[in-house]
N, C-alpha and C. Protein backbone atom coordinates (compact mmCIF):
# COMPACT_ATOMS: atom_id res chain seq x y z
N UNK A 1 6.52 19.81 -15.77
CA UNK A 1 5.42 18.96 -15.39
C UNK A 1 5.30 18.96 -13.86
N UNK A 2 4.08 19.18 -13.38
CA UNK A 2 3.87 19.19 -11.93
C UNK A 2 3.54 17.79 -11.43
N UNK A 3 3.86 17.58 -10.17
CA UNK A 3 3.57 16.29 -9.54
C UNK A 3 2.05 16.13 -9.35
N UNK A 4 1.62 14.89 -9.29
CA UNK A 4 0.23 14.61 -8.98
C UNK A 4 -0.01 14.95 -7.50
N UNK A 5 -1.23 15.36 -7.20
CA UNK A 5 -1.59 15.62 -5.81
C UNK A 5 -1.95 14.29 -5.13
N UNK A 6 -1.98 14.32 -3.80
CA UNK A 6 -2.39 13.13 -3.06
C UNK A 6 -3.80 12.69 -3.48
N UNK A 7 -4.68 13.66 -3.65
CA UNK A 7 -6.06 13.32 -4.04
C UNK A 7 -6.12 12.68 -5.41
N UNK A 8 -5.32 13.16 -6.35
CA UNK A 8 -5.29 12.56 -7.69
C UNK A 8 -4.76 11.13 -7.63
N UNK A 9 -3.73 10.92 -6.85
CA UNK A 9 -3.15 9.58 -6.69
C UNK A 9 -4.17 8.66 -6.02
N UNK A 10 -4.80 9.15 -4.96
CA UNK A 10 -5.79 8.36 -4.23
C UNK A 10 -6.94 7.97 -5.15
N UNK A 11 -7.39 8.88 -5.99
CA UNK A 11 -8.49 8.59 -6.91
C UNK A 11 -8.14 7.45 -7.87
N UNK A 12 -6.94 7.50 -8.44
CA UNK A 12 -6.51 6.44 -9.37
C UNK A 12 -6.43 5.10 -8.64
N UNK A 13 -5.81 5.10 -7.45
CA UNK A 13 -5.68 3.86 -6.69
C UNK A 13 -7.03 3.32 -6.23
N UNK A 14 -7.91 4.20 -5.76
CA UNK A 14 -9.25 3.77 -5.35
C UNK A 14 -10.00 3.15 -6.52
N UNK A 15 -9.91 3.77 -7.70
CA UNK A 15 -10.58 3.23 -8.89
C UNK A 15 -10.00 1.86 -9.26
N UNK A 16 -8.67 1.74 -9.20
CA UNK A 16 -8.03 0.46 -9.51
C UNK A 16 -8.49 -0.62 -8.53
N UNK A 17 -8.47 -0.31 -7.25
CA UNK A 17 -8.84 -1.29 -6.23
C UNK A 17 -10.31 -1.70 -6.40
N UNK A 18 -11.19 -0.76 -6.59
CA UNK A 18 -12.61 -1.08 -6.74
C UNK A 18 -12.87 -1.89 -8.01
N UNK A 19 -12.26 -1.50 -9.13
CA UNK A 19 -12.44 -2.24 -10.38
C UNK A 19 -11.88 -3.65 -10.26
N UNK A 20 -10.74 -3.78 -9.61
CA UNK A 20 -10.14 -5.09 -9.39
C UNK A 20 -11.06 -5.97 -8.56
N UNK A 21 -11.64 -5.40 -7.51
CA UNK A 21 -12.57 -6.15 -6.66
C UNK A 21 -13.79 -6.61 -7.46
N UNK A 22 -14.34 -5.69 -8.26
CA UNK A 22 -15.52 -6.04 -9.06
C UNK A 22 -15.20 -7.14 -10.06
N UNK A 23 -14.01 -7.11 -10.63
CA UNK A 23 -13.62 -8.11 -11.63
C UNK A 23 -13.30 -9.46 -11.02
N UNK A 24 -12.49 -9.47 -9.95
CA UNK A 24 -12.00 -10.72 -9.36
C UNK A 24 -12.81 -11.22 -8.18
N UNK A 25 -13.62 -10.34 -7.57
CA UNK A 25 -14.43 -10.76 -6.43
C UNK A 25 -13.68 -10.77 -5.11
N UNK A 26 -12.45 -10.27 -5.11
CA UNK A 26 -11.69 -10.15 -3.86
C UNK A 26 -10.63 -9.06 -4.07
N UNK A 27 -9.95 -8.75 -2.99
CA UNK A 27 -8.91 -7.74 -3.04
C UNK A 27 -7.52 -8.34 -3.27
N UNK A 28 -7.44 -9.63 -3.47
CA UNK A 28 -6.14 -10.31 -3.60
C UNK A 28 -5.32 -9.80 -4.78
N UNK A 29 -5.93 -9.63 -5.94
CA UNK A 29 -5.19 -9.16 -7.11
C UNK A 29 -4.65 -7.75 -6.86
N UNK A 30 -5.51 -6.88 -6.34
CA UNK A 30 -5.09 -5.50 -6.07
C UNK A 30 -3.96 -5.47 -5.05
N UNK A 31 -4.08 -6.30 -4.00
CA UNK A 31 -3.03 -6.35 -2.98
C UNK A 31 -1.70 -6.78 -3.59
N UNK A 32 -1.74 -7.79 -4.45
CA UNK A 32 -0.52 -8.27 -5.09
C UNK A 32 0.10 -7.23 -6.01
N UNK A 33 -0.73 -6.55 -6.78
CA UNK A 33 -0.23 -5.53 -7.70
C UNK A 33 0.36 -4.35 -6.92
N UNK A 34 -0.33 -3.93 -5.87
CA UNK A 34 0.17 -2.82 -5.05
C UNK A 34 1.46 -3.22 -4.34
N UNK A 35 1.54 -4.45 -3.87
CA UNK A 35 2.75 -4.96 -3.22
C UNK A 35 3.94 -4.87 -4.18
N UNK A 36 3.73 -5.32 -5.39
CA UNK A 36 4.80 -5.31 -6.40
C UNK A 36 5.27 -3.89 -6.70
N UNK A 37 4.33 -2.98 -6.91
CA UNK A 37 4.68 -1.60 -7.23
C UNK A 37 5.34 -0.89 -6.05
N UNK A 38 4.82 -1.14 -4.85
CA UNK A 38 5.39 -0.50 -3.65
C UNK A 38 6.81 -0.99 -3.40
N UNK A 39 7.04 -2.27 -3.63
CA UNK A 39 8.39 -2.82 -3.45
C UNK A 39 9.37 -2.11 -4.38
N UNK A 40 8.97 -1.93 -5.62
CA UNK A 40 9.83 -1.25 -6.61
C UNK A 40 10.07 0.21 -6.21
N UNK A 41 9.00 0.90 -5.81
CA UNK A 41 9.14 2.30 -5.41
C UNK A 41 10.04 2.45 -4.19
N UNK A 42 9.86 1.58 -3.20
CA UNK A 42 10.68 1.65 -2.00
C UNK A 42 12.15 1.40 -2.30
N UNK A 43 12.42 0.47 -3.20
CA UNK A 43 13.81 0.16 -3.56
C UNK A 43 14.50 1.37 -4.18
N UNK A 44 13.74 2.24 -4.83
CA UNK A 44 14.31 3.42 -5.49
C UNK A 44 14.38 4.65 -4.59
N UNK A 45 13.83 4.57 -3.38
CA UNK A 45 13.83 5.72 -2.46
C UNK A 45 15.16 5.83 -1.73
N UNK A 46 15.47 7.04 -1.26
CA UNK A 46 16.62 7.18 -0.37
C UNK A 46 16.39 6.37 0.91
N UNK A 47 17.47 5.94 1.53
CA UNK A 47 17.37 5.05 2.71
C UNK A 47 16.52 5.65 3.83
N UNK A 48 16.64 6.96 4.08
CA UNK A 48 15.86 7.55 5.18
C UNK A 48 14.36 7.50 4.89
N UNK A 49 13.96 7.63 3.63
CA UNK A 49 12.55 7.51 3.26
C UNK A 49 12.10 6.06 3.36
N UNK A 50 12.97 5.13 2.95
CA UNK A 50 12.65 3.71 3.10
C UNK A 50 12.36 3.40 4.56
N UNK A 51 13.22 3.89 5.43
CA UNK A 51 13.08 3.62 6.87
C UNK A 51 11.76 4.17 7.40
N UNK A 52 11.35 5.36 6.95
CA UNK A 52 10.08 5.94 7.39
C UNK A 52 8.91 5.07 7.00
N UNK A 53 8.88 4.63 5.76
CA UNK A 53 7.76 3.83 5.26
C UNK A 53 7.75 2.45 5.92
N UNK A 54 8.91 1.83 6.00
CA UNK A 54 8.98 0.50 6.60
C UNK A 54 8.61 0.53 8.07
N UNK A 55 8.94 1.62 8.76
CA UNK A 55 8.56 1.76 10.17
C UNK A 55 7.04 1.75 10.31
N UNK A 56 6.35 2.44 9.42
CA UNK A 56 4.89 2.45 9.46
C UNK A 56 4.34 1.03 9.31
N UNK A 57 4.86 0.28 8.34
CA UNK A 57 4.38 -1.08 8.13
C UNK A 57 4.75 -2.00 9.28
N UNK A 58 5.94 -1.85 9.83
CA UNK A 58 6.34 -2.65 10.99
C UNK A 58 5.44 -2.36 12.18
N UNK A 59 5.12 -1.08 12.40
CA UNK A 59 4.23 -0.71 13.51
C UNK A 59 2.83 -1.29 13.32
N UNK A 60 2.32 -1.25 12.08
CA UNK A 60 1.01 -1.82 11.81
C UNK A 60 1.01 -3.33 12.00
N UNK A 61 2.08 -3.98 11.59
CA UNK A 61 2.21 -5.43 11.77
C UNK A 61 2.15 -5.79 13.25
N UNK A 62 2.90 -5.05 14.06
CA UNK A 62 2.91 -5.28 15.50
C UNK A 62 1.51 -5.05 16.09
N UNK A 63 0.88 -3.97 15.69
CA UNK A 63 -0.46 -3.63 16.19
C UNK A 63 -1.46 -4.73 15.84
N UNK A 64 -1.47 -5.16 14.59
CA UNK A 64 -2.43 -6.17 14.15
C UNK A 64 -2.15 -7.51 14.80
N UNK A 65 -0.89 -7.83 15.01
CA UNK A 65 -0.53 -9.09 15.68
C UNK A 65 -1.06 -9.11 17.10
N UNK A 66 -0.90 -7.99 17.80
CA UNK A 66 -1.38 -7.88 19.17
C UNK A 66 -2.90 -7.94 19.23
N UNK A 67 -3.55 -7.29 18.27
CA UNK A 67 -5.02 -7.31 18.25
C UNK A 67 -5.54 -8.71 18.00
N UNK A 68 -4.88 -9.44 17.12
CA UNK A 68 -5.31 -10.81 16.81
C UNK A 68 -5.14 -11.71 18.03
N UNK A 69 -4.05 -11.53 18.77
CA UNK A 69 -3.81 -12.33 19.97
C UNK A 69 -4.85 -12.10 21.04
N UNK A 70 -5.39 -10.89 21.11
CA UNK A 70 -6.34 -10.56 22.17
C UNK A 70 -7.77 -10.97 21.81
N UNK A 71 -7.98 -11.44 20.61
CA UNK A 71 -9.35 -11.86 20.20
C UNK A 71 -9.62 -13.27 20.60
């Protein structure tokens, strides 16, 4: 069995997010579901991969915090 491509994964996630928004009227449900799944996936990754992904989120958190302060 071959792995899914990034485009195939993106298509499924985009469809889920859009359908969730149409059903609930916000992105909150999709965000919660993605948070739950991502937490599980990260816990199962090797530590070096965890560090890579968490660094991206930490950097985005810092960036968004700084942008909010400057507004």
